PDB file of all heavy atoms in Angstrom:
ATOM      1  N   VAL A   1     104.498 109.199 110.817  1.00  0.00           N
ATOM      2  CA  VAL A   1     103.980 109.787 112.038  1.00  0.00           C
ATOM      3  C   VAL A   1     104.820 110.966 112.443  1.00  0.00           C
ATOM      4  O   VAL A   1     104.255 112.054 112.811  1.00  0.00           O
ATOM      5  CB  VAL A   1     103.917 108.735 113.156  1.00  0.00           C
ATOM      6  CG1 VAL A   1     103.632 109.418 114.506  1.00  0.00           C
ATOM      7  CG2 VAL A   1     102.849 107.682 112.862  1.00  0.00           C
ATOM      8  N   ARG A   2     106.154 110.843 112.415  1.00  0.00           N
ATOM      9  CA  ARG A   2     107.015 111.972 112.768  1.00  0.00           C
ATOM     10  C   ARG A   2     106.784 113.172 111.858  1.00  0.00           C
ATOM     11  O   ARG A   2     106.782 114.327 112.306  1.00  0.00           O
ATOM     12  CB  ARG A   2     108.481 111.532 112.742  1.00  0.00           C
ATOM     13  CG  ARG A   2     108.944 110.766 113.975  1.00  0.00           C
ATOM     14  CD  ARG A   2     110.460 110.654 114.017  1.00  0.00           C
ATOM     15  NE  ARG A   2     110.961 109.829 112.936  1.00  0.00           N
ATOM     16  CZ  ARG A   2     111.110 108.514 113.033  1.00  0.00           C
ATOM     17  NH1 ARG A   2     110.809 107.887 114.166  1.00  0.00           N
ATOM     18  NH2 ARG A   2     111.596 107.793 112.032  1.00  0.00           N
ATOM     19  N   GLY A   3     106.609 112.888 110.579  1.00  0.00           N
ATOM     20  CA  GLY A   3     106.365 113.981 109.640  1.00  0.00           C
ATOM     21  C   GLY A   3     105.096 114.727 109.936  1.00  0.00           C
ATOM     22  O   GLY A   3     105.053 115.959 109.907  1.00  0.00           O
ATOM     23  N   LEU A   4     104.043 114.005 110.226  1.00  0.00           N
ATOM     24  CA  LEU A   4     102.745 114.640 110.513  1.00  0.00           C
ATOM     25  C   LEU A   4     102.774 115.350 111.850  1.00  0.00           C
ATOM     26  O   LEU A   4     102.183 116.433 112.015  1.00  0.00           O
ATOM     27  CB  LEU A   4     101.652 113.589 110.483  1.00  0.00           C
ATOM     28  CG  LEU A   4     101.426 112.933 109.112  1.00  0.00           C
ATOM     29  CD1 LEU A   4     100.403 111.792 109.201  1.00  0.00           C
ATOM     30  CD2 LEU A   4     100.985 113.931 108.058  1.00  0.00           C
ATOM     31  N   GLN A   5     103.465 114.752 112.833  1.00  0.00           N
ATOM     32  CA  GLN A   5     103.563 115.376 114.154  1.00  0.00           C
ATOM     33  C   GLN A   5     104.400 116.658 114.104  1.00  0.00           C
ATOM     34  O   GLN A   5     104.175 117.555 114.909  1.00  0.00           O
ATOM     35  CB  GLN A   5     104.166 114.403 115.170  1.00  0.00           C
ATOM     36  CG  GLN A   5     103.201 113.272 115.549  1.00  0.00           C
ATOM     37  CD  GLN A   5     103.824 112.287 116.519  1.00  0.00           C
ATOM     38  OE1 GLN A   5     105.075 112.142 116.575  1.00  0.00           O
ATOM     39  NE2 GLN A   5     102.986 111.583 117.284  1.00  0.00           N
ATOM     40  N   ALA A   6     105.332 116.701 113.177  1.00  0.00           N
ATOM     41  CA  ALA A   6     106.170 117.915 113.029  1.00  0.00           C
ATOM     42  C   ALA A   6     105.369 119.082 112.448  1.00  0.00           C
ATOM     43  O   ALA A   6     105.862 120.231 112.493  1.00  0.00           O
ATOM     44  CB  ALA A   6     107.389 117.616 112.181  1.00  0.00           C
ATOM     45  N   GLY A   7     104.215 118.797 111.894  1.00  0.00           N
ATOM     46  CA  GLY A   7     103.422 119.880 111.314  1.00  0.00           C
ATOM     47  C   GLY A   7     103.068 119.676 109.856  1.00  0.00           C
ATOM     48  O   GLY A   7     102.403 120.533 109.261  1.00  0.00           O
ATOM     49  N   GLY A   8     103.485 118.547 109.284  1.00  0.00           N
ATOM     50  CA  GLY A   8     103.083 118.266 107.890  1.00  0.00           C
ATOM     51  C   GLY A   8     101.605 117.922 107.824  1.00  0.00           C
ATOM     52  O   GLY A   8     101.023 117.378 108.782  1.00  0.00           O
ATOM     53  N   ASP A   9     101.003 118.210 106.689  1.00  0.00           N
ATOM     54  CA  ASP A   9      99.564 117.918 106.529  1.00  0.00           C
ATOM     55  C   ASP A   9      99.281 116.643 105.733  1.00  0.00           C
ATOM     56  O   ASP A   9      98.223 116.072 105.812  1.00  0.00           O
ATOM     57  CB  ASP A   9      98.892 119.096 105.790  1.00  0.00           C
ATOM     58  CG  ASP A   9      98.971 120.372 106.631  1.00  0.00           C
ATOM     59  OD1 ASP A   9      98.146 120.508 107.537  1.00  0.00           O
ATOM     60  OD2 ASP A   9      99.852 121.181 106.345  1.00  0.00           O
ATOM     61  N   ASP A  10     100.279 116.219 104.950  1.00  0.00           N
ATOM     62  CA  ASP A  10     100.153 114.971 104.173  1.00  0.00           C
ATOM     63  C   ASP A  10     101.564 114.478 103.899  1.00  0.00           C
ATOM     64  O   ASP A  10     102.552 115.200 104.020  1.00  0.00           O
ATOM     65  CB  ASP A  10      99.406 115.239 102.867  1.00  0.00           C
ATOM     66  CG  ASP A  10      98.819 113.968 102.264  1.00  0.00           C
ATOM     67  OD1 ASP A  10      99.048 112.866 102.806  1.00  0.00           O
ATOM     68  OD2 ASP A  10      98.126 114.052 101.228  1.00  0.00           O
ATOM     69  N   TYR A  11     101.649 113.188 103.520  1.00  0.00           N
ATOM     70  CA  TYR A  11     102.958 112.524 103.386  1.00  0.00           C
ATOM     71  C   TYR A  11     102.926 111.612 102.169  1.00  0.00           C
ATOM     72  O   TYR A  11     102.034 110.758 102.076  1.00  0.00           O
ATOM     73  CB  TYR A  11     103.209 111.708 104.655  1.00  0.00           C
ATOM     74  CG  TYR A  11     104.646 111.232 104.867  1.00  0.00           C
ATOM     75  CD1 TYR A  11     105.465 111.828 105.818  1.00  0.00           C
ATOM     76  CD2 TYR A  11     105.169 110.179 104.136  1.00  0.00           C
ATOM     77  CE1 TYR A  11     106.779 111.381 106.057  1.00  0.00           C
ATOM     78  CE2 TYR A  11     106.474 109.728 104.350  1.00  0.00           C
ATOM     79  CZ  TYR A  11     107.258 110.331 105.312  1.00  0.00           C
ATOM     80  OH  TYR A  11     108.546 109.878 105.542  1.00  0.00           O
ATOM     81  N   LEU A  12     103.861 111.790 101.242  1.00  0.00           N
ATOM     82  CA  LEU A  12     103.897 111.008 100.017  1.00  0.00           C
ATOM     83  C   LEU A  12     105.304 110.405  99.878  1.00  0.00           C
ATOM     84  O   LEU A  12     106.286 111.138  99.962  1.00  0.00           O
ATOM     85  CB  LEU A  12     103.567 111.878  98.819  1.00  0.00           C
ATOM     86  CG  LEU A  12     103.494 111.197  97.454  1.00  0.00           C
ATOM     87  CD1 LEU A  12     102.385 110.149  97.423  1.00  0.00           C
ATOM     88  CD2 LEU A  12     103.235 112.224  96.347  1.00  0.00           C
ATOM     89  N   THR A  13     105.380 109.089  99.704  1.00  0.00           N
ATOM     90  CA  THR A  13     106.681 108.455  99.622  1.00  0.00           C
ATOM     91  C   THR A  13     107.174 108.383  98.179  1.00  0.00           C
ATOM     92  O   THR A  13     106.396 108.284  97.228  1.00  0.00           O
ATOM     93  CB  THR A  13     106.621 107.025 100.202  1.00  0.00           C
ATOM     94  OG1 THR A  13     105.662 106.248  99.516  1.00  0.00           O
ATOM     95  CG2 THR A  13     106.301 107.079 101.703  1.00  0.00           C
ATOM     96  N   LYS A  14     108.503 108.414  98.026  1.00  0.00           N
ATOM     97  CA  LYS A  14     109.142 108.277  96.726  1.00  0.00           C
ATOM     98  C   LYS A  14     109.420 106.806  96.469  1.00  0.00           C
ATOM     99  O   LYS A  14     109.745 106.071  97.397  1.00  0.00           O
ATOM    100  CB  LYS A  14     110.458 109.042  96.697  1.00  0.00           C
ATOM    101  CG  LYS A  14     110.338 110.540  96.961  1.00  0.00           C
ATOM    102  CD  LYS A  14     111.704 111.164  97.003  1.00  0.00           C
ATOM    103  CE  LYS A  14     111.653 112.658  97.312  1.00  0.00           C
ATOM    104  NZ  LYS A  14     112.970 113.281  97.356  1.00  0.00           N
ATOM    105  N   PRO A  15     109.393 106.361  95.181  1.00  0.00           N
ATOM    106  CA  PRO A  15     108.938 107.121  94.014  1.00  0.00           C
ATOM    107  C   PRO A  15     107.445 107.251  93.997  1.00  0.00           C
ATOM    108  O   PRO A  15     106.745 106.507  94.642  1.00  0.00           O
ATOM    109  CB  PRO A  15     109.438 106.264  92.822  1.00  0.00           C
ATOM    110  CG  PRO A  15     109.436 104.892  93.385  1.00  0.00           C
ATOM    111  CD  PRO A  15     109.828 104.990  94.832  1.00  0.00           C
ATOM    112  N   PHE A  16     106.945 108.251  93.254  1.00  0.00           N
ATOM    113  CA  PHE A  16     105.505 108.529  93.240  1.00  0.00           C
ATOM    114  C   PHE A  16     105.072 108.846  91.829  1.00  0.00           C
ATOM    115  O   PHE A  16     105.873 109.224  90.952  1.00  0.00           O
ATOM    116  CB  PHE A  16     105.205 109.722  94.146  1.00  0.00           C
ATOM    117  CG  PHE A  16     106.004 110.949  93.813  1.00  0.00           C
ATOM    118  CD1 PHE A  16     105.573 111.852  92.849  1.00  0.00           C
ATOM    119  CD2 PHE A  16     107.200 111.189  94.444  1.00  0.00           C
ATOM    120  CE1 PHE A  16     106.319 112.972  92.528  1.00  0.00           C
ATOM    121  CE2 PHE A  16     107.962 112.311  94.153  1.00  0.00           C
ATOM    122  CZ  PHE A  16     107.530 113.203  93.188  1.00  0.00           C
ATOM    123  N   ALA A  17     103.801 108.673  91.571  1.00  0.00           N
ATOM    124  CA  ALA A  17     103.191 109.101  90.300  1.00  0.00           C
ATOM    125  C   ALA A  17     102.740 110.544  90.467  1.00  0.00           C
ATOM    126  O   ALA A  17     102.205 110.915  91.496  1.00  0.00           O
ATOM    127  CB  ALA A  17     102.008 108.208  89.937  1.00  0.00           C
ATOM    128  N   PHE A  18     102.998 111.353  89.442  1.00  0.00           N
ATOM    129  CA  PHE A  18     102.658 112.784  89.585  1.00  0.00           C
ATOM    130  C   PHE A  18     101.146 112.963  89.791  1.00  0.00           C
ATOM    131  O   PHE A  18     100.718 113.898  90.471  1.00  0.00           O
ATOM    132  CB  PHE A  18     103.120 113.592  88.369  1.00  0.00           C
ATOM    133  CG  PHE A  18     102.794 115.051  88.526  1.00  0.00           C
ATOM    134  CD1 PHE A  18     103.589 115.852  89.277  1.00  0.00           C
ATOM    135  CD2 PHE A  18     101.660 115.576  87.926  1.00  0.00           C
ATOM    136  CE1 PHE A  18     103.298 117.186  89.468  1.00  0.00           C
ATOM    137  CE2 PHE A  18     101.329 116.919  88.110  1.00  0.00           C
ATOM    138  CZ  PHE A  18     102.133 117.736  88.872  1.00  0.00           C
ATOM    139  N   ALA A  19     100.327 112.109  89.185  1.00  0.00           N
ATOM    140  CA  ALA A  19      98.890 112.243  89.334  1.00  0.00           C
ATOM    141  C   ALA A  19      98.499 112.241  90.807  1.00  0.00           C
ATOM    142  O   ALA A  19      97.605 112.995  91.235  1.00  0.00           O
ATOM    143  CB  ALA A  19      98.165 111.098  88.586  1.00  0.00           C
ATOM    144  N   GLU A  20      99.122 111.391  91.585  1.00  0.00           N
ATOM    145  CA  GLU A  20      98.821 111.350  93.017  1.00  0.00           C
ATOM    146  C   GLU A  20      99.291 112.586  93.732  1.00  0.00           C
ATOM    147  O   GLU A  20      98.598 113.157  94.589  1.00  0.00           O
ATOM    148  CB  GLU A  20      99.428 110.103  93.661  1.00  0.00           C
ATOM    149  CG  GLU A  20      99.061 109.972  95.149  1.00  0.00           C
ATOM    150  CD  GLU A  20      99.582 108.705  95.805  1.00  0.00           C
ATOM    151  OE1 GLU A  20     100.299 107.939  95.143  1.00  0.00           O
ATOM    152  OE2 GLU A  20      99.257 108.485  96.987  1.00  0.00           O
ATOM    153  N   LEU A  21     100.512 113.054  93.401  1.00  0.00           N
ATOM    154  CA  LEU A  21     101.005 114.275  94.044  1.00  0.00           C
ATOM    155  C   LEU A  21     100.072 115.436  93.750  1.00  0.00           C
ATOM    156  O   LEU A  21      99.733 116.213  94.628  1.00  0.00           O
ATOM    157  CB  LEU A  21     102.425 114.556  93.559  1.00  0.00           C
ATOM    158  CG  LEU A  21     103.077 115.825  94.164  1.00  0.00           C
ATOM    159  CD1 LEU A  21     104.548 115.593  94.447  1.00  0.00           C
ATOM    160  CD2 LEU A  21     102.901 117.042  93.267  1.00  0.00           C
ATOM    161  N   LEU A  22      99.681 115.570  92.477  1.00  0.00           N
ATOM    162  CA  LEU A  22      98.797 116.676  92.105  1.00  0.00           C
ATOM    163  C   LEU A  22      97.488 116.603  92.857  1.00  0.00           C
ATOM    164  O   LEU A  22      96.974 117.622  93.346  1.00  0.00           O
ATOM    165  CB  LEU A  22      98.552 116.649  90.589  1.00  0.00           C
ATOM    166  CG  LEU A  22      97.606 117.734  90.054  1.00  0.00           C
ATOM    167  CD1 LEU A  22      98.146 119.135  90.355  1.00  0.00           C
ATOM    168  CD2 LEU A  22      97.365 117.542  88.567  1.00  0.00           C
ATOM    169  N   ALA A  23      96.897 115.418  92.938  1.00  0.00           N
ATOM    170  CA  ALA A  23      95.630 115.255  93.637  1.00  0.00           C
ATOM    171  C   ALA A  23      95.763 115.642  95.115  1.00  0.00           C
ATOM    172  O   ALA A  23      94.892 116.296  95.672  1.00  0.00           O
ATOM    173  CB  ALA A  23      95.144 113.822  93.517  1.00  0.00           C
ATOM    174  N   ARG A  24      96.895 115.268  95.717  1.00  0.00           N
ATOM    175  CA  ARG A  24      97.107 115.618  97.139  1.00  0.00           C
ATOM    176  C   ARG A  24      97.309 117.106  97.331  1.00  0.00           C
ATOM    177  O   ARG A  24      96.794 117.695  98.279  1.00  0.00           O
ATOM    178  CB  ARG A  24      98.301 114.824  97.689  1.00  0.00           C
ATOM    179  CG  ARG A  24      97.992 113.333  97.878  1.00  0.00           C
ATOM    180  CD  ARG A  24      99.266 112.592  98.242  1.00  0.00           C
ATOM    181  NE  ARG A  24      99.041 111.150  98.371  1.00  0.00           N
ATOM    182  CZ  ARG A  24      99.010 110.508  99.534  1.00  0.00           C
ATOM    183  NH1 ARG A  24      99.190 111.154 100.653  1.00  0.00           N
ATOM    184  NH2 ARG A  24      98.809 109.203  99.543  1.00  0.00           N
ATOM    185  N   VAL A  25      98.059 117.754  96.415  1.00  0.00           N
ATOM    186  CA  VAL A  25      98.261 119.195  96.517  1.00  0.00           C
ATOM    187  C   VAL A  25      96.899 119.917  96.337  1.00  0.00           C
ATOM    188  O   VAL A  25      96.580 120.820  97.092  1.00  0.00           O
ATOM    189  CB  VAL A  25      99.265 119.670  95.425  1.00  0.00           C
ATOM    190  CG1 VAL A  25      99.216 121.203  95.269  1.00  0.00           C
ATOM    191  CG2 VAL A  25     100.650 119.233  95.786  1.00  0.00           C
ATOM    192  N   GLN A  26      96.122 119.512  95.368  1.00  0.00           N
ATOM    193  CA  GLN A  26      94.810 120.127  95.149  1.00  0.00           C
ATOM    194  C   GLN A  26      93.909 119.932  96.338  1.00  0.00           C
ATOM    195  O   GLN A  26      93.172 120.852  96.734  1.00  0.00           O
ATOM    196  CB  GLN A  26      94.170 119.532  93.905  1.00  0.00           C
ATOM    197  CG  GLN A  26      94.883 119.944  92.611  1.00  0.00           C
ATOM    198  CD  GLN A  26      94.399 119.176  91.406  1.00  0.00           C
ATOM    199  OE1 GLN A  26      93.974 118.040  91.504  1.00  0.00           O
ATOM    200  NE2 GLN A  26      94.458 119.811  90.248  1.00  0.00           N
ATOM    201  N   ALA A  27      93.945 118.743  96.958  1.00  0.00           N
ATOM    202  CA  ALA A  27      93.119 118.493  98.141  1.00  0.00           C
ATOM    203  C   ALA A  27      93.537 119.394  99.316  1.00  0.00           C
ATOM    204  O   ALA A  27      92.687 119.895 100.048  1.00  0.00           O
ATOM    205  CB  ALA A  27      93.209 117.020  98.532  1.00  0.00           C
ATOM    206  N   LEU A  28      94.845 119.595  99.496  1.00  0.00           N
ATOM    207  CA  LEU A  28      95.323 120.450 100.569  1.00  0.00           C
ATOM    208  C   LEU A  28      94.866 121.896 100.350  1.00  0.00           C
ATOM    209  O   LEU A  28      94.478 122.597 101.276  1.00  0.00           O
ATOM    210  CB  LEU A  28      96.851 120.393 100.679  1.00  0.00           C
ATOM    211  CG  LEU A  28      97.430 119.090 101.242  1.00  0.00           C
ATOM    212  CD1 LEU A  28      98.967 119.120 101.176  1.00  0.00           C
ATOM    213  CD2 LEU A  28      96.954 118.875 102.686  1.00  0.00           C
ATOM    214  N   VAL A  29      94.931 122.337  99.097  1.00  0.00           N
ATOM    215  CA  VAL A  29      94.533 123.722  98.792  1.00  0.00           C
ATOM    216  C   VAL A  29      93.012 123.892  99.031  1.00  0.00           C
ATOM    217  O   VAL A  29      92.569 124.867  99.624  1.00  0.00           O
ATOM    218  CB  VAL A  29      94.898 124.102  97.344  1.00  0.00           C
ATOM    219  CG1 VAL A  29      94.233 125.425  96.960  1.00  0.00           C
ATOM    220  CG2 VAL A  29      96.390 124.161  97.158  1.00  0.00           C
ATOM    221  N   ARG A  30      92.238 122.882  98.595  1.00  0.00           N
ATOM    222  CA  ARG A  30      90.787 122.945  98.809  1.00  0.00           C
ATOM    223  C   ARG A  30      90.455 122.940 100.287  1.00  0.00           C
ATOM    224  O   ARG A  30      89.584 123.665 100.753  1.00  0.00           O
ATOM    225  CB  ARG A  30      90.110 121.787  98.093  1.00  0.00           C
ATOM    226  CG  ARG A  30      89.973 121.944  96.586  1.00  0.00           C
ATOM    227  CD  ARG A  30      89.045 120.910  96.005  1.00  0.00           C
ATOM    228  NE  ARG A  30      89.526 119.579  96.203  1.00  0.00           N
ATOM    229  CZ  ARG A  30      90.252 118.897  95.301  1.00  0.00           C
ATOM    230  NH1 ARG A  30      90.591 119.485  94.184  1.00  0.00           N
ATOM    231  NH2 ARG A  30      90.652 117.673  95.536  1.00  0.00           N
ATOM    232  N   ARG A  31      91.158 122.096 101.044  1.00  0.00           N
ATOM    233  CA  ARG A  31      90.896 121.978 102.460  1.00  0.00           C
ATOM    234  C   ARG A  31      91.191 123.318 103.175  1.00  0.00           C
ATOM    235  O   ARG A  31      90.451 123.781 104.026  1.00  0.00           O
ATOM    236  CB  ARG A  31      91.735 120.874 103.053  1.00  0.00           C
ATOM    237  CG  ARG A  31      91.336 120.435 104.458  1.00  0.00           C
ATOM    238  CD  ARG A  31      92.268 119.363 104.958  1.00  0.00           C
ATOM    239  NE  ARG A  31      92.415 118.277 103.989  1.00  0.00           N
ATOM    240  CZ  ARG A  31      93.417 117.426 103.978  1.00  0.00           C
ATOM    241  NH1 ARG A  31      94.402 117.529 104.863  1.00  0.00           N
ATOM    242  NH2 ARG A  31      93.456 116.438 103.099  1.00  0.00           N
ATOM    243  N   ALA A  32      92.295 123.942 102.759  1.00  0.00           N
ATOM    244  CA  ALA A  32      92.697 125.204 103.397  1.00  0.00           C
ATOM    245  C   ALA A  32      91.719 126.316 103.052  1.00  0.00           C
ATOM    246  O   ALA A  32      91.449 127.206 103.875  1.00  0.00           O
ATOM    247  CB  ALA A  32      94.096 125.606 102.943  1.00  0.00           C
ATOM    248  N   SER A  33      91.153 126.309 101.839  1.00  0.00           N
ATOM    249  CA  SER A  33      90.214 127.320 101.396  1.00  0.00           C
ATOM    250  C   SER A  33      88.755 126.949 101.670  1.00  0.00           C
ATOM    251  O   SER A  33      87.843 127.686 101.350  1.00  0.00           O
ATOM    252  CB  SER A  33      90.380 127.598  99.914  1.00  0.00           C
ATOM    253  OG  SER A  33      90.070 126.454  99.152  1.00  0.00           O
ATOM    254  N   ARG A  34      88.578 125.765 102.269  1.00  0.00           N
ATOM    255  CA  ARG A  34      87.251 125.237 102.602  1.00  0.00           C
ATOM    256  C   ARG A  34      86.365 125.084 101.378  1.00  0.00           C
ATOM    257  O   ARG A  34      85.157 125.228 101.435  1.00  0.00           O
ATOM    258  CB  ARG A  34      86.552 126.138 103.638  1.00  0.00           C
ATOM    259  CG  ARG A  34      87.240 126.131 104.991  1.00  0.00           C
ATOM    260  CD  ARG A  34      86.450 126.928 106.005  1.00  0.00           C
ATOM    261  NE  ARG A  34      87.001 126.810 107.340  1.00  0.00           N
ATOM    262  CZ  ARG A  34      87.976 127.563 107.824  1.00  0.00           C
ATOM    263  NH1 ARG A  34      88.510 128.515 107.056  1.00  0.00           N
ATOM    264  NH2 ARG A  34      88.435 127.401 109.035  1.00  0.00           N
ATOM    265  N   THR A  35      87.022 124.811 100.225  1.00  0.00           N
ATOM    266  CA  THR A  35      86.271 124.541  99.003  1.00  0.00           C
ATOM    267  C   THR A  35      85.908 123.077  98.965  1.00  0.00           C
ATOM    268  O   THR A  35      86.772 122.215  99.115  1.00  0.00           O
ATOM    269  CB  THR A  35      87.124 124.870  97.759  1.00  0.00           C
ATOM    270  OG1 THR A  35      87.515 126.255  97.821  1.00  0.00           O
ATOM    271  CG2 THR A  35      86.330 124.625  96.470  1.00  0.00           C
ATOM    272  N   PRO A  36      84.645 122.731  98.797  1.00  0.00           N
ATOM    273  CA  PRO A  36      84.233 121.323  98.770  1.00  0.00           C
ATOM    274  C   PRO A  36      84.965 120.550  97.680  1.00  0.00           C
ATOM    275  O   PRO A  36      85.108 121.024  96.546  1.00  0.00           O
ATOM    276  CB  PRO A  36      82.722 121.362  98.491  1.00  0.00           C
ATOM    277  CG  PRO A  36      82.306 122.750  98.884  1.00  0.00           C
ATOM    278  CD  PRO A  36      83.476 123.619  98.611  1.00  0.00           C
ATOM    279  N   GLU A  37      85.453 119.372  98.018  1.00  0.00           N
ATOM    280  CA  GLU A  37      86.170 118.553  97.063  1.00  0.00           C
ATOM    281  C   GLU A  37      85.179 117.756  96.227  1.00  0.00           C
ATOM    282  O   GLU A  37      84.304 117.078  96.787  1.00  0.00           O
ATOM    283  CB  GLU A  37      87.119 117.591  97.790  1.00  0.00           C
ATOM    284  CG  GLU A  37      87.952 116.774  96.860  1.00  0.00           C
ATOM    285  CD  GLU A  37      88.986 115.950  97.614  1.00  0.00           C
ATOM    286  OE1 GLU A  37      89.093 116.102  98.843  1.00  0.00           O
ATOM    287  OE2 GLU A  37      89.707 115.163  96.962  1.00  0.00           O
ATOM    288  N   PRO A  38      85.233 117.811  94.888  1.00  0.00           N
ATOM    289  CA  PRO A  38      84.317 117.051  94.076  1.00  0.00           C
ATOM    290  C   PRO A  38      84.542 115.553  94.285  1.00  0.00           C
ATOM    291  O   PRO A  38      85.660 115.114  94.459  1.00  0.00           O
ATOM    292  CB  PRO A  38      84.637 117.478  92.643  1.00  0.00           C
ATOM    293  CG  PRO A  38      86.065 117.949  92.710  1.00  0.00           C
ATOM    294  CD  PRO A  38      86.234 118.549  94.068  1.00  0.00           C
ATOM    295  N   THR A  39      83.445 114.814  94.241  1.00  0.00           N
ATOM    296  CA  THR A  39      83.560 113.355  94.424  1.00  0.00           C
ATOM    297  C   THR A  39      83.402 112.620  93.099  1.00  0.00           C
ATOM    298  O   THR A  39      83.729 111.407  93.046  1.00  0.00           O
ATOM    299  CB  THR A  39      82.516 112.863  95.425  1.00  0.00           C
ATOM    300  OG1 THR A  39      81.193 113.181  94.943  1.00  0.00           O
ATOM    301  CG2 THR A  39      82.710 113.487  96.785  1.00  0.00           C
ATOM    302  N   THR A  40      82.903 113.272  92.086  1.00  0.00           N
ATOM    303  CA  THR A  40      82.761 112.631  90.793  1.00  0.00           C
ATOM    304  C   THR A  40      83.209 113.570  89.672  1.00  0.00           C
ATOM    305  O   THR A  40      83.124 114.787  89.798  1.00  0.00           O
ATOM    306  CB  THR A  40      81.300 112.194  90.515  1.00  0.00           C
ATOM    307  OG1 THR A  40      80.456 113.372  90.546  1.00  0.00           O
ATOM    308  CG2 THR A  40      80.804 111.197  91.559  1.00  0.00           C
ATOM    309  N   LEU A  41      83.644 112.957  88.578  1.00  0.00           N
ATOM    310  CA  LEU A  41      83.947 113.688  87.345  1.00  0.00           C
ATOM    311  C   LEU A  41      83.000 113.150  86.289  1.00  0.00           C
ATOM    312  O   LEU A  41      82.798 111.922  86.175  1.00  0.00           O
ATOM    313  CB  LEU A  41      85.396 113.467  86.922  1.00  0.00           C
ATOM    314  CG  LEU A  41      86.491 113.886  87.920  1.00  0.00           C
ATOM    315  CD1 LEU A  41      87.850 113.469  87.394  1.00  0.00           C
ATOM    316  CD2 LEU A  41      86.438 115.368  88.205  1.00  0.00           C
ATOM    317  N   THR A  42      82.414 114.044  85.482  1.00  0.00           N
ATOM    318  CA  THR A  42      81.436 113.603  84.486  1.00  0.00           C
ATOM    319  C   THR A  42      81.716 114.327  83.145  1.00  0.00           C
ATOM    320  O   THR A  42      81.900 115.528  83.106  1.00  0.00           O
ATOM    321  CB  THR A  42      80.006 113.949  84.932  1.00  0.00           C
ATOM    322  OG1 THR A  42      79.745 113.331  86.200  1.00  0.00           O
ATOM    323  CG2 THR A  42      79.002 113.437  83.921  1.00  0.00           C
ATOM    324  N   VAL A  43      81.797 113.507  82.084  1.00  0.00           N
ATOM    325  CA  VAL A  43      81.881 114.044  80.732  1.00  0.00           C
ATOM    326  C   VAL A  43      80.884 113.262  79.871  1.00  0.00           C
ATOM    327  O   VAL A  43      81.021 112.039  79.723  1.00  0.00           O
ATOM    328  CB  VAL A  43      83.295 113.859  80.162  1.00  0.00           C
ATOM    329  CG1 VAL A  43      83.320 114.354  78.699  1.00  0.00           C
ATOM    330  CG2 VAL A  43      84.320 114.642  80.989  1.00  0.00           C
ATOM    331  N   GLU A  44      79.854 113.963  79.399  1.00  0.00           N
ATOM    332  CA  GLU A  44      78.762 113.317  78.669  1.00  0.00           C
ATOM    333  C   GLU A  44      78.178 112.189  79.547  1.00  0.00           C
ATOM    334  O   GLU A  44      77.798 112.463  80.691  1.00  0.00           O
ATOM    335  CB  GLU A  44      79.254 112.782  77.312  1.00  0.00           C
ATOM    336  CG  GLU A  44      79.730 113.883  76.380  1.00  0.00           C
ATOM    337  CD  GLU A  44      78.615 114.826  75.946  1.00  0.00           C
ATOM    338  OE1 GLU A  44      77.499 114.390  75.738  1.00  0.00           O
ATOM    339  OE2 GLU A  44      78.876 116.058  75.867  1.00  0.00           O
ATOM    340  N   ASP A  45      78.156 110.943  79.053  1.00  0.00           N
ATOM    341  CA  ASP A  45      77.592 109.856  79.846  1.00  0.00           C
ATOM    342  C   ASP A  45      78.642 109.053  80.576  1.00  0.00           C
ATOM    343  O   ASP A  45      78.362 107.939  81.076  1.00  0.00           O
ATOM    344  CB  ASP A  45      76.752 108.931  78.953  1.00  0.00           C
ATOM    345  CG  ASP A  45      77.546 108.341  77.791  1.00  0.00           C
ATOM    346  OD1 ASP A  45      78.720 108.767  77.585  1.00  0.00           O
ATOM    347  OD2 ASP A  45      77.023 107.497  77.057  1.00  0.00           O
ATOM    348  N   LEU A  46      79.870 109.587  80.624  1.00  0.00           N
ATOM    349  CA  LEU A  46      80.986 108.917  81.316  1.00  0.00           C
ATOM    350  C   LEU A  46      81.109 109.520  82.714  1.00  0.00           C
ATOM    351  O   LEU A  46      81.241 110.733  82.879  1.00  0.00           O
ATOM    352  CB  LEU A  46      82.260 109.130  80.515  1.00  0.00           C
ATOM    353  CG  LEU A  46      83.557 108.549  81.122  1.00  0.00           C
ATOM    354  CD1 LEU A  46      83.496 107.026  81.161  1.00  0.00           C
ATOM    355  CD2 LEU A  46      84.765 109.007  80.249  1.00  0.00           C
ATOM    356  N   VAL A  47      81.112 108.658  83.734  1.00  0.00           N
ATOM    357  CA  VAL A  47      81.150 109.093  85.110  1.00  0.00           C
ATOM    358  C   VAL A  47      82.275 108.384  85.850  1.00  0.00           C
ATOM    359  O   VAL A  47      82.381 107.135  85.772  1.00  0.00           O
ATOM    360  CB  VAL A  47      79.823 108.837  85.838  1.00  0.00           C
ATOM    361  CG1 VAL A  47      79.910 109.302  87.303  1.00  0.00           C
ATOM    362  CG2 VAL A  47      78.661 109.551  85.142  1.00  0.00           C
TER     363      VAL A  47
END
């Protein structure tokens, strides 16, 4: 709460998996640029 009230936009605790950090960074960039965040990934018949 203190971190977010200070002006942070998201909060990730250590230790962390890089996949989660990357997803959060990408989401923050999309949110700032107002780019819609994809909800699904599709490759051939894999969803």
